Amino acid sequence: MKARQLIGRASYGPDELNLLFKAFNDAWELVAPTISGRAGAIEAARLKLANIILSLAHNGSRDAEWIRNAALQIFGAGAK
């Protein structure tokens, strides 16, 4: 999937990538039920979430729970 590839290609070490994948997966579990079942909508939402996760990591956070929660807030704010 493109979202996981986007995260996987980021310039972080293995520990940081694992943290980012955890934050993404945990956030996606909560976001997925709110997204249309259309493949295009799902992919767009996953890419949006991945970009949010990466921007939060770029700002220096290395706490998966904090990144997940912040990403959910940002993602939700963009949906309104």
N, C-alpha and C. Protein backbone atom coordinates (compact mmCIF):
# COMPACT_ATOMS: atom_id res chain seq x y z
N MET A 1 0.83 -1.18 0.00
CA MET A 1 0.00 0.00 0.00
C MET A 1 0.88 1.25 0.00
N LYS A 2 0.42 2.26 -0.67
CA LYS A 2 1.21 3.46 -0.85
C LYS A 2 1.52 4.17 0.46
N ALA A 3 0.60 4.18 1.41
CA ALA A 3 0.83 4.88 2.68
C ALA A 3 1.98 4.22 3.45
N ARG A 4 1.99 2.90 3.52
CA ARG A 4 3.06 2.21 4.23
C ARG A 4 4.39 2.39 3.50
N GLN A 5 4.37 2.43 2.18
CA GLN A 5 5.59 2.67 1.41
C GLN A 5 6.13 4.07 1.68
N LEU A 6 5.23 5.03 1.79
CA LEU A 6 5.63 6.41 2.07
C LEU A 6 6.37 6.48 3.41
N ILE A 7 5.82 5.84 4.41
CA ILE A 7 6.47 5.82 5.73
C ILE A 7 7.78 5.04 5.66
N GLY A 8 7.74 3.89 5.00
CA GLY A 8 8.92 3.03 4.92
C GLY A 8 10.11 3.67 4.22
N ARG A 9 9.84 4.61 3.33
CA ARG A 9 10.92 5.28 2.60
C ARG A 9 11.46 6.50 3.33
N ALA A 10 10.85 6.85 4.45
CA ALA A 10 11.30 8.02 5.20
C ALA A 10 12.70 7.76 5.77
N SER A 11 13.43 8.82 5.97
CA SER A 11 14.82 8.73 6.42
C SER A 11 14.91 8.59 7.94
N TYR A 12 14.49 7.44 8.43
CA TYR A 12 14.57 7.16 9.86
C TYR A 12 15.17 5.78 10.04
N GLY A 13 15.75 5.56 11.19
CA GLY A 13 16.30 4.26 11.51
C GLY A 13 15.19 3.26 11.79
N PRO A 14 15.56 1.99 11.97
CA PRO A 14 14.57 0.93 12.18
C PRO A 14 13.67 1.16 13.40
N ASP A 15 14.24 1.63 14.49
CA ASP A 15 13.42 1.86 15.68
C ASP A 15 12.38 2.96 15.45
N GLU A 16 12.81 4.04 14.80
CA GLU A 16 11.89 5.13 14.52
C GLU A 16 10.81 4.70 13.53
N LEU A 17 11.20 3.92 12.51
CA LEU A 17 10.21 3.44 11.54
C LEU A 17 9.19 2.54 12.21
N ASN A 18 9.64 1.67 13.11
CA ASN A 18 8.70 0.81 13.84
C ASN A 18 7.71 1.66 14.63
N LEU A 19 8.21 2.71 15.26
CA LEU A 19 7.37 3.61 16.03
C LEU A 19 6.34 4.30 15.12
N LEU A 20 6.79 4.75 13.95
CA LEU A 20 5.88 5.41 13.02
C LEU A 20 4.84 4.46 12.47
N PHE A 21 5.24 3.23 12.16
CA PHE A 21 4.27 2.24 11.69
C PHE A 21 3.26 1.91 12.78
N LYS A 22 3.70 1.82 14.02
CA LYS A 22 2.78 1.57 15.13
C LYS A 22 1.78 2.71 15.25
N ALA A 23 2.27 3.94 15.23
CA ALA A 23 1.38 5.10 15.32
C ALA A 23 0.38 5.10 14.17
N PHE A 24 0.86 4.81 12.96
CA PHE A 24 -0.02 4.76 11.79
C PHE A 24 -1.07 3.67 11.92
N ASN A 25 -0.63 2.46 12.24
CA ASN A 25 -1.56 1.34 12.34
C ASN A 25 -2.60 1.57 13.43
N ASP A 26 -2.17 2.08 14.58
CA ASP A 26 -3.10 2.34 15.67
C ASP A 26 -4.11 3.43 15.30
N ALA A 27 -3.63 4.47 14.63
CA ALA A 27 -4.53 5.54 14.21
C ALA A 27 -5.48 5.04 13.13
N TRP A 28 -4.97 4.24 12.19
CA TRP A 28 -5.82 3.75 11.10
C TRP A 28 -6.95 2.89 11.64
N GLU A 29 -6.70 2.11 12.66
CA GLU A 29 -7.76 1.29 13.25
C GLU A 29 -8.95 2.14 13.66
N LEU A 30 -8.68 3.34 14.15
CA LEU A 30 -9.74 4.23 14.59
C LEU A 30 -10.35 5.03 13.45
N VAL A 31 -9.56 5.33 12.44
CA VAL A 31 -10.03 6.13 11.31
C VAL A 31 -10.81 5.28 10.31
N ALA A 32 -10.37 4.08 10.05
CA ALA A 32 -10.92 3.24 8.98
C ALA A 32 -12.44 3.14 8.99
N PRO A 33 -13.08 2.93 10.15
CA PRO A 33 -14.54 2.81 10.12
C PRO A 33 -15.28 4.07 9.68
N THR A 34 -14.59 5.20 9.66
CA THR A 34 -15.23 6.46 9.29
C THR A 34 -15.06 6.80 7.81
N ILE A 35 -14.33 5.96 7.08
CA ILE A 35 -14.00 6.22 5.68
C ILE A 35 -14.91 5.42 4.77
N SER A 36 -15.30 6.03 3.67
CA SER A 36 -16.10 5.36 2.66
C SER A 36 -15.42 4.06 2.23
N GLY A 37 -16.18 3.09 1.80
CA GLY A 37 -15.62 1.82 1.37
C GLY A 37 -15.00 1.86 -0.01
N ARG A 38 -15.08 2.99 -0.68
CA ARG A 38 -14.48 3.11 -2.02
C ARG A 38 -12.96 3.05 -1.91
N ALA A 39 -12.35 2.29 -2.80
CA ALA A 39 -10.89 2.11 -2.77
C ALA A 39 -10.16 3.45 -2.84
N GLY A 40 -10.63 4.35 -3.67
CA GLY A 40 -9.98 5.65 -3.81
C GLY A 40 -10.04 6.46 -2.53
N ALA A 41 -11.17 6.40 -1.85
CA ALA A 41 -11.33 7.14 -0.58
C ALA A 41 -10.43 6.54 0.49
N ILE A 42 -10.35 5.23 0.52
CA ILE A 42 -9.50 4.57 1.51
C ILE A 42 -8.04 4.94 1.28
N GLU A 43 -7.59 4.84 0.04
CA GLU A 43 -6.19 5.16 -0.27
C GLU A 43 -5.87 6.62 0.03
N ALA A 44 -6.78 7.52 -0.31
CA ALA A 44 -6.56 8.94 -0.04
C ALA A 44 -6.47 9.20 1.46
N ALA A 45 -7.33 8.56 2.23
CA ALA A 45 -7.31 8.74 3.69
C ALA A 45 -6.03 8.16 4.28
N ARG A 46 -5.60 7.02 3.80
CA ARG A 46 -4.37 6.41 4.32
C ARG A 46 -3.15 7.28 4.00
N LEU A 47 -3.11 7.84 2.79
CA LEU A 47 -2.00 8.73 2.43
C LEU A 47 -2.02 10.01 3.27
N LYS A 48 -3.21 10.55 3.48
CA LYS A 48 -3.33 11.75 4.32
C LYS A 48 -2.81 11.45 5.72
N LEU A 49 -3.24 10.33 6.29
CA LEU A 49 -2.80 9.95 7.63
C LEU A 49 -1.29 9.73 7.67
N ALA A 50 -0.74 9.06 6.68
CA ALA A 50 0.71 8.82 6.64
C ALA A 50 1.48 10.13 6.58
N ASN A 51 1.01 11.07 5.78
CA ASN A 51 1.67 12.37 5.69
C ASN A 51 1.60 13.13 7.01
N ILE A 52 0.48 13.03 7.70
CA ILE A 52 0.36 13.68 9.01
C ILE A 52 1.34 13.05 9.98
N ILE A 53 1.40 11.72 10.00
CA ILE A 53 2.32 11.01 10.90
C ILE A 53 3.76 11.45 10.63
N LEU A 54 4.14 11.51 9.35
CA LEU A 54 5.50 11.90 9.00
C LEU A 54 5.79 13.35 9.37
N SER A 55 4.81 14.22 9.22
CA SER A 55 5.06 15.62 9.59
C SER A 55 5.24 15.75 11.09
N LEU A 56 4.50 14.97 11.87
CA LEU A 56 4.67 15.00 13.32
C LEU A 56 6.04 14.45 13.71
N ALA A 57 6.47 13.40 13.05
CA ALA A 57 7.78 12.82 13.34
C ALA A 57 8.89 13.79 12.93
N HIS A 58 8.68 14.49 11.83
CA HIS A 58 9.67 15.46 11.36
C HIS A 58 9.88 16.57 12.39
N ASN A 59 8.83 16.85 13.15
CA ASN A 59 8.92 17.89 14.18
C ASN A 59 9.61 17.38 15.44
N GLY A 60 10.03 16.11 15.45
CA GLY A 60 10.87 15.62 16.52
C GLY A 60 10.23 14.67 17.52
N SER A 61 8.95 14.42 17.43
CA SER A 61 8.32 13.53 18.41
C SER A 61 8.71 12.08 18.15
N ARG A 62 8.98 11.36 19.21
CA ARG A 62 9.32 9.93 19.12
C ARG A 62 8.46 9.12 20.09
N ASP A 63 7.24 9.58 20.32
CA ASP A 63 6.30 8.90 21.20
C ASP A 63 5.12 8.46 20.35
N ALA A 64 5.00 7.13 20.12
CA ALA A 64 3.98 6.60 19.21
C ALA A 64 2.57 6.98 19.65
N GLU A 65 2.29 6.95 20.93
CA GLU A 65 0.95 7.29 21.41
C GLU A 65 0.65 8.77 21.15
N TRP A 66 1.63 9.63 21.43
CA TRP A 66 1.43 11.06 21.19
C TRP A 66 1.22 11.32 19.71
N ILE A 67 2.04 10.69 18.87
CA ILE A 67 1.90 10.88 17.42
C ILE A 67 0.53 10.40 16.95
N ARG A 68 0.11 9.25 17.43
CA ARG A 68 -1.21 8.73 17.05
C ARG A 68 -2.30 9.71 17.43
N ASN A 69 -2.28 10.17 18.68
CA ASN A 69 -3.33 11.07 19.15
C ASN A 69 -3.33 12.40 18.41
N ALA A 70 -2.14 12.95 18.19
CA ALA A 70 -2.05 14.21 17.45
C ALA A 70 -2.51 14.02 16.01
N ALA A 71 -2.13 12.91 15.40
CA ALA A 71 -2.55 12.63 14.02
C ALA A 71 -4.06 12.50 13.92
N LEU A 72 -4.68 11.86 14.89
CA LEU A 72 -6.13 11.72 14.90
C LEU A 72 -6.80 13.08 15.01
N GLN A 73 -6.26 13.95 15.83
CA GLN A 73 -6.83 15.29 15.98
C GLN A 73 -6.70 16.08 14.68
N ILE A 74 -5.52 16.03 14.07
CA ILE A 74 -5.30 16.75 12.82
C ILE A 74 -6.16 16.16 11.71
N PHE A 75 -6.21 14.85 11.62
CA PHE A 75 -7.00 14.19 10.60
C PHE A 75 -8.46 14.56 10.74
N GLY A 76 -8.97 14.53 11.97
CA GLY A 76 -10.36 14.87 12.22
C GLY A 76 -10.66 16.32 11.91
N ALA A 77 -9.73 17.20 12.21
CA ALA A 77 -9.94 18.62 11.94
C ALA A 77 -10.02 18.87 10.44
N GLY A 78 -9.28 18.09 9.67
CA GLY A 78 -9.32 18.25 8.21
C GLY A 78 -10.59 17.70 7.59
N ALA A 79 -11.29 16.84 8.32
CA ALA A 79 -12.49 16.22 7.78
C ALA A 79 -13.72 17.11 7.91
N LYS A 80 -13.62 18.14 8.73
CA LYS A 80 -14.80 19.00 8.97
C LYS A 80 -14.98 20.02 7.90
